[in-house]
Amino acid sequence: YRSFDGAYSLYENGDKRIMDGKHPYWSWCHVTAANIQTGSVTRLEQVRQVENQYFSGANDPKLYDSYLTQGALMKLGAA
C-alpha cells in the first residue's frame, strides 16, 4: 500500500522562467511516496541537471530515444 502526494507549479521565479514555447513551463516539482506498511517515505524531486551529465527538458523528440527505449534504458543501467 502506497500513498502518493504531488506538487505542481509553473517554472518561474520573478523574472526568471523556463519556457515551453510561448508560455512558462508547467510540470510536477516533487512527489512524496509513503509506504503505509513499512512507514518509509520517499521524495522524488525534478531538478535541472544531475551530475553535470543529465539535463531535464520537455517537448524534445530526442528525449524519447535517449531515455525511454529499451536500448536506452539498458545503456543507462550499464553506466
Protein backbone atom coordinates (compact mmCIF):
# COMPACT_ATOMS: atom_id res chain seq x y z
CA TYR A 1 0.00 0.00 0.00
CA ARG A 2 1.43 3.32 -1.05
CA SER A 3 0.21 6.87 -0.95
CA PHE A 4 1.46 9.49 -3.42
CA ASP A 5 1.22 13.24 -2.94
CA GLY A 6 2.44 15.50 -5.75
CA ALA A 7 3.14 19.20 -6.08
CA TYR A 8 2.92 21.08 -9.38
CA SER A 9 3.90 24.57 -10.42
CA LEU A 10 4.89 26.97 -13.17
CA TYR A 11 8.65 27.06 -13.54
CA GLU A 12 9.15 30.75 -12.90
CA ASN A 13 10.74 32.79 -10.16
CA GLY A 14 10.34 36.53 -10.50
CA ASP A 15 11.67 37.44 -13.96
CA LYS A 16 13.43 34.05 -14.44
CA ARG A 17 11.37 31.50 -16.39
CA ILE A 18 11.73 28.18 -18.13
CA MET A 19 9.61 28.49 -21.21
CA ASP A 20 7.51 25.89 -23.04
CA GLY A 21 7.04 27.70 -26.31
CA LYS A 22 5.25 30.98 -25.62
CA HIS A 23 4.25 30.04 -22.06
CA PRO A 24 6.10 29.26 -18.81
CA TYR A 25 6.76 25.53 -18.34
CA TRP A 26 4.24 23.79 -16.05
CA SER A 27 5.08 20.41 -14.53
CA TRP A 28 5.45 18.42 -11.36
CA CYS A 29 8.02 19.71 -8.85
CA HIS A 30 8.14 16.87 -6.35
CA VAL A 31 6.26 13.76 -5.31
CA THR A 32 6.15 12.24 -1.83
CA ALA A 33 5.54 8.48 -1.77
CA ALA A 34 4.63 6.91 1.58
CA ASN A 35 4.68 3.14 2.11
CA ILE A 36 1.95 2.58 4.68
CA GLN A 37 3.08 -0.97 5.50
CA THR A 38 6.72 -0.11 6.34
CA GLY A 39 6.34 3.52 7.35
CA SER A 40 9.02 4.63 4.86
CA VAL A 41 8.73 7.87 2.93
CA THR A 42 10.47 8.72 -0.35
CA ARG A 43 10.60 12.13 -2.02
CA LEU A 44 11.19 12.45 -5.76
CA GLU A 45 12.26 15.86 -6.99
CA GLN A 46 12.53 17.19 -10.55
CA VAL A 47 15.83 19.01 -10.94
CA ARG A 48 17.52 20.90 -13.79
CA GLN A 49 20.57 18.61 -14.01
CA VAL A 50 22.16 15.57 -12.40
CA GLU A 51 25.92 15.02 -12.19
CA ASN A 52 26.51 17.64 -14.91
CA GLN A 53 25.63 14.88 -17.40
CA TYR A 54 21.84 14.58 -17.48
CA PHE A 55 19.70 17.65 -18.10
CA SER A 56 15.93 17.97 -17.84
CA GLY A 57 13.91 19.03 -20.86
CA ALA A 58 10.50 18.97 -22.45
CA ASN A 59 8.96 18.81 -25.92
CA ASP A 60 12.17 17.40 -27.42
CA PRO A 61 11.63 14.29 -29.57
CA LYS A 62 15.25 13.19 -28.99
CA LEU A 63 14.48 12.58 -25.30
CA TYR A 64 12.39 9.52 -26.17
CA ASP A 65 15.24 7.76 -27.97
CA SER A 66 17.77 8.82 -25.33
CA TYR A 67 15.85 7.69 -22.23
CA LEU A 68 12.66 5.74 -22.95
CA THR A 69 13.52 2.93 -25.35
CA GLN A 70 14.63 -0.48 -24.07
CA GLY A 71 18.10 0.03 -25.55
CA ALA A 72 18.46 3.45 -23.94
CA LEU A 73 17.42 2.10 -20.53
CA MET A 74 19.91 -0.77 -20.81
CA LYS A 75 22.66 1.69 -21.77
CA LEU A 76 21.80 3.96 -18.82
CA GLY A 77 21.80 0.96 -16.47
CA ALA A 78 25.29 -0.03 -17.64
CA ALA A 79 26.74 3.43 -16.96
